[in-house]
C-alpha atoms as a PDB file:
ATOM      1  CA  UNK A   1     -34.694   5.927 -20.143  1.00  0.00           C
ATOM      2  CA  UNK A   2     -37.006   4.411 -17.556  1.00  0.00           C
ATOM      3  CA  UNK A   3     -36.533   4.687 -13.807  1.00  0.00           C
ATOM      4  CA  UNK A   4     -35.791   0.954 -13.620  1.00  0.00           C
ATOM      5  CA  UNK A   5     -32.905   1.189 -16.057  1.00  0.00           C
ATOM      6  CA  UNK A   6     -31.529   4.238 -14.245  1.00  0.00           C
ATOM      7  CA  UNK A   7     -31.540   2.238 -11.022  1.00  0.00           C
ATOM      8  CA  UNK A   8     -29.947  -0.751 -12.764  1.00  0.00           C
ATOM      9  CA  UNK A   9     -27.181   1.433 -14.213  1.00  0.00           C
ATOM     10  CA  UNK A  10     -26.645   3.078 -10.826  1.00  0.00           C
ATOM     11  CA  UNK A  11     -26.400  -0.344  -9.191  1.00  0.00           C
ATOM     12  CA  UNK A  12     -23.879  -1.557 -11.766  1.00  0.00           C
ATOM     13  CA  UNK A  13     -21.806   1.595 -11.356  1.00  0.00           C
ATOM     14  CA  UNK A  14     -21.856   1.268  -7.577  1.00  0.00           C
ATOM     15  CA  UNK A  15     -20.902  -2.414  -7.757  1.00  0.00           C
ATOM     16  CA  UNK A  16     -17.844  -1.364  -9.801  1.00  0.00           C
ATOM     17  CA  UNK A  17     -16.926   1.444  -7.428  1.00  0.00           C
ATOM     18  CA  UNK A  18     -17.199  -0.247  -4.043  1.00  0.00           C
ATOM     19  CA  UNK A  19     -14.422  -2.841  -4.477  1.00  0.00           C
ATOM     20  CA  UNK A  20     -12.112  -0.152  -5.910  1.00  0.00           C
ATOM     21  CA  UNK A  21     -12.872   2.113  -2.956  1.00  0.00           C
ATOM     22  CA  UNK A  22     -12.175  -0.777  -0.562  1.00  0.00           C
ATOM     23  CA  UNK A  23      -8.826  -1.476  -2.255  1.00  0.00           C
ATOM     24  CA  UNK A  24      -7.847   2.195  -2.210  1.00  0.00           C
ATOM     25  CA  UNK A  25      -8.774   2.429   1.480  1.00  0.00           C
ATOM     26  CA  UNK A  26      -6.116  -0.215   2.170  1.00  0.00           C
ATOM     27  CA  UNK A  27      -3.288   1.078  -0.061  1.00  0.00           C
ATOM     28  CA  UNK A  28      -4.087   4.766  -0.429  1.00  0.00           C
ATOM     29  CA  UNK A  29      -1.932   7.660   0.592  1.00  0.00           C
ATOM     30  CA  UNK A  30       1.568   8.456  -0.441  1.00  0.00           C
ATOM     31  CA  UNK A  31       3.336   6.162   2.032  1.00  0.00           C
ATOM     32  CA  UNK A  32       1.791   2.679   2.180  1.00  0.00           C
ATOM     33  CA  UNK A  33       3.084   1.437  -1.168  1.00  0.00           C
ATOM     34  CA  UNK A  34       6.480   3.002  -0.463  1.00  0.00           C
ATOM     35  CA  UNK A  35       6.622   1.166   2.868  1.00  0.00           C
ATOM     36  CA  UNK A  36       5.693  -2.153   1.251  1.00  0.00           C
ATOM     37  CA  UNK A  37       8.339  -1.656  -1.442  1.00  0.00           C
ATOM     38  CA  UNK A  38      10.932  -0.819   1.226  1.00  0.00           C
ATOM     39  CA  UNK A  39      10.139  -3.963   3.215  1.00  0.00           C
ATOM     40  CA  UNK A  40      10.093  -6.104   0.051  1.00  0.00           C
ATOM     41  CA  UNK A  41      13.595  -4.758  -0.699  1.00  0.00           C
ATOM     42  CA  UNK A  42      14.904  -6.011   2.645  1.00  0.00           C
ATOM     43  CA  UNK A  43      14.418  -3.108   5.051  1.00  0.00           C
ATOM     44  CA  UNK A  44      12.988  -4.867   8.085  1.00  0.00           C
ATOM     45  CA  UNK A  45      13.607  -2.567  11.028  1.00  0.00           C
ATOM     46  CA  UNK A  46      11.730   0.652  11.717  1.00  0.00           C
ATOM     47  CA  UNK A  47      14.781   2.905  11.240  1.00  0.00           C
ATOM     48  CA  UNK A  48      15.823   1.094   8.055  1.00  0.00           C
ATOM     49  CA  UNK A  49      12.377   1.617   6.584  1.00  0.00           C
ATOM     50  CA  UNK A  50      12.338   5.234   7.751  1.00  0.00           C
ATOM     51  CA  UNK A  51      15.757   5.967   6.209  1.00  0.00           C
ATOM     52  CA  UNK A  52      14.793   4.350   2.921  1.00  0.00           C
ATOM     53  CA  UNK A  53      11.762   6.624   2.401  1.00  0.00           C
ATOM     54  CA  UNK A  54      12.626  10.310   1.973  1.00  0.00           C
ATOM     55  CA  UNK A  55      10.543  12.773   4.004  1.00  0.00           C
ATOM     56  CA  UNK A  56       8.474  10.252   5.977  1.00  0.00           C
ATOM     57  CA  UNK A  57       8.183  11.081   9.680  1.00  0.00           C
ATOM     58  CA  UNK A  58       8.455   8.539  12.490  1.00  0.00           C
ATOM     59  CA  UNK A  59       4.884   9.267  13.563  1.00  0.00           C
ATOM     60  CA  UNK A  60       3.468   8.695  10.075  1.00  0.00           C
ATOM     61  CA  UNK A  61       5.570   5.563   9.571  1.00  0.00           C
ATOM     62  CA  UNK A  62       4.334   4.089  12.863  1.00  0.00           C
ATOM     63  CA  UNK A  63       0.700   4.758  11.917  1.00  0.00           C
ATOM     64  CA  UNK A  64       1.076   3.343   8.408  1.00  0.00           C
ATOM     65  CA  UNK A  65       2.879   0.212   9.660  1.00  0.00           C
ATOM     66  CA  UNK A  66       0.013  -0.370  12.093  1.00  0.00           C
ATOM     67  CA  UNK A  67      -2.548   0.016   9.270  1.00  0.00           C
ATOM     68  CA  UNK A  68      -0.633  -2.376   7.001  1.00  0.00           C
ATOM     69  CA  UNK A  69      -0.423  -4.896   9.840  1.00  0.00           C
ATOM     70  CA  UNK A  70      -4.184  -4.601  10.510  1.00  0.00           C
ATOM     71  CA  UNK A  71      -4.833  -5.354   6.841  1.00  0.00           C
ATOM     72  CA  UNK A  72      -2.537  -8.398   7.084  1.00  0.00           C
ATOM     73  CA  UNK A  73      -0.060  -7.143   4.497  1.00  0.00           C
ATOM     74  CA  UNK A  74       2.866  -7.076   6.916  1.00  0.00           C
ATOM     75  CA  UNK A  75       3.801  -8.942  10.063  1.00  0.00           C
ATOM     76  CA  UNK A  76       5.465  -7.377  13.106  1.00  0.00           C
ATOM     77  CA  UNK A  77       7.785  -9.746  14.979  1.00  0.00           C
ATOM     78  CA  UNK A  78       9.258  -8.882  18.362  1.00  0.00           C
ATOM     79  CA  UNK A  79      12.482 -10.646  19.329  1.00  0.00           C
ATOM     80  CA  UNK A  80      13.131 -10.811  23.051  1.00  0.00           C
ATOM     81  CA  UNK A  81      16.715  -9.604  22.920  1.00  0.00           C
ATOM     82  CA  UNK A  82      18.470  -6.755  24.593  1.00  0.00           C
ATOM     83  CA  UNK A  83      17.710  -4.301  23.248  1.00  0.00           C
ATOM     84  CA  UNK A  84      14.344  -5.571  22.030  1.00  0.00           C
ATOM     85  CA  UNK A  85      14.402  -6.125  18.280  1.00  0.00           C
ATOM     86  CA  UNK A  86      11.314  -5.533  16.140  1.00  0.00           C
ATOM     87  CA  UNK A  87      11.188  -6.563  12.497  1.00  0.00           C
ATOM     88  CA  UNK A  88       8.574  -6.085   9.810  1.00  0.00           C
ATOM     89  CA  UNK A  89       8.120  -8.564   6.996  1.00  0.00           C
ATOM     90  CA  UNK A  90       5.549  -8.913   4.255  1.00  0.00           C
ATOM     91  CA  UNK A  91       2.944 -11.646   4.519  1.00  0.00           C
ATOM     92  CA  UNK A  92       1.881 -14.101   1.831  1.00  0.00           C
ATOM     93  CA  UNK A  93      -1.179 -11.888   1.311  1.00  0.00           C
ATOM     94  CA  UNK A  94       1.004  -9.081  -0.074  1.00  0.00           C
ATOM     95  CA  UNK A  95       1.654 -11.300  -3.102  1.00  0.00           C
ATOM     96  CA  UNK A  96      -1.927 -10.581  -4.144  1.00  0.00           C
ATOM     97  CA  UNK A  97      -0.790  -6.971  -4.709  1.00  0.00           C
ATOM     98  CA  UNK A  98       2.242  -7.804  -6.889  1.00  0.00           C
ATOM     99  CA  UNK A  99       0.461  -7.322 -10.232  1.00  0.00           C
ATOM    100  CA  UNK A 100      -1.128  -4.082  -9.003  1.00  0.00           C
ATOM    101  CA  UNK A 101       2.229  -2.770  -7.794  1.00  0.00           C
ATOM    102  CA  UNK A 102       3.933  -3.714 -11.069  1.00  0.00           C
ATOM    103  CA  UNK A 103       1.210  -2.021 -13.124  1.00  0.00           C
ATOM    104  CA  UNK A 104       1.355   1.113 -10.930  1.00  0.00           C
ATOM    105  CA  UNK A 105       5.125   1.182 -11.462  1.00  0.00           C
ATOM    106  CA  UNK A 106       4.754   0.911 -15.231  1.00  0.00           C
ATOM    107  CA  UNK A 107       2.020   3.538 -15.296  1.00  0.00           C
ATOM    108  CA  UNK A 108       4.117   5.826 -13.091  1.00  0.00           C
ATOM    109  CA  UNK A 109       7.167   5.518 -15.356  1.00  0.00           C
ATOM    110  CA  UNK A 110       5.042   6.312 -18.411  1.00  0.00           C
ATOM    111  CA  UNK A 111       3.241   9.167 -16.670  1.00  0.00           C
ATOM    112  CA  UNK A 112       6.575  10.686 -15.631  1.00  0.00           C
ATOM    113  CA  UNK A 113       7.753  10.531 -19.249  1.00  0.00           C
ATOM    114  CA  UNK A 114       4.541  12.149 -20.470  1.00  0.00           C
ATOM    115  CA  UNK A 115       4.580  14.913 -17.861  1.00  0.00           C
ATOM    116  CA  UNK A 116       8.302  15.582 -17.486  1.00  0.00           C
ATOM    117  CA  UNK A 117       9.887  13.972 -20.535  1.00  0.00           C
ATOM    118  CA  UNK A 118      11.937  11.705 -18.245  1.00  0.00           C
END
């Protein structure tokens, strides 16, 4: 193989990898998808989200919510009540992840069956 074709193949490989890396940077880790699923299922307040996700800590939840908000997947709304009420909701942009989330769910169910027979 010539050097030019090696560089072409490398470029094609890299062009496939970069968007996947970018996507994984946004949704990676064991909590972000769980948080999105929790909010989609109606848990809007911090404590509701925290209670719905086993083993997540308040500190981690706060960080992940901030990341999801920065990536415009959720919206944080502060209601000027007493006490102050903060709610998290998904944005329209999260709909662009629906197919990915559904496919991850299906793959996860099948993987569980393969690995654990469940």
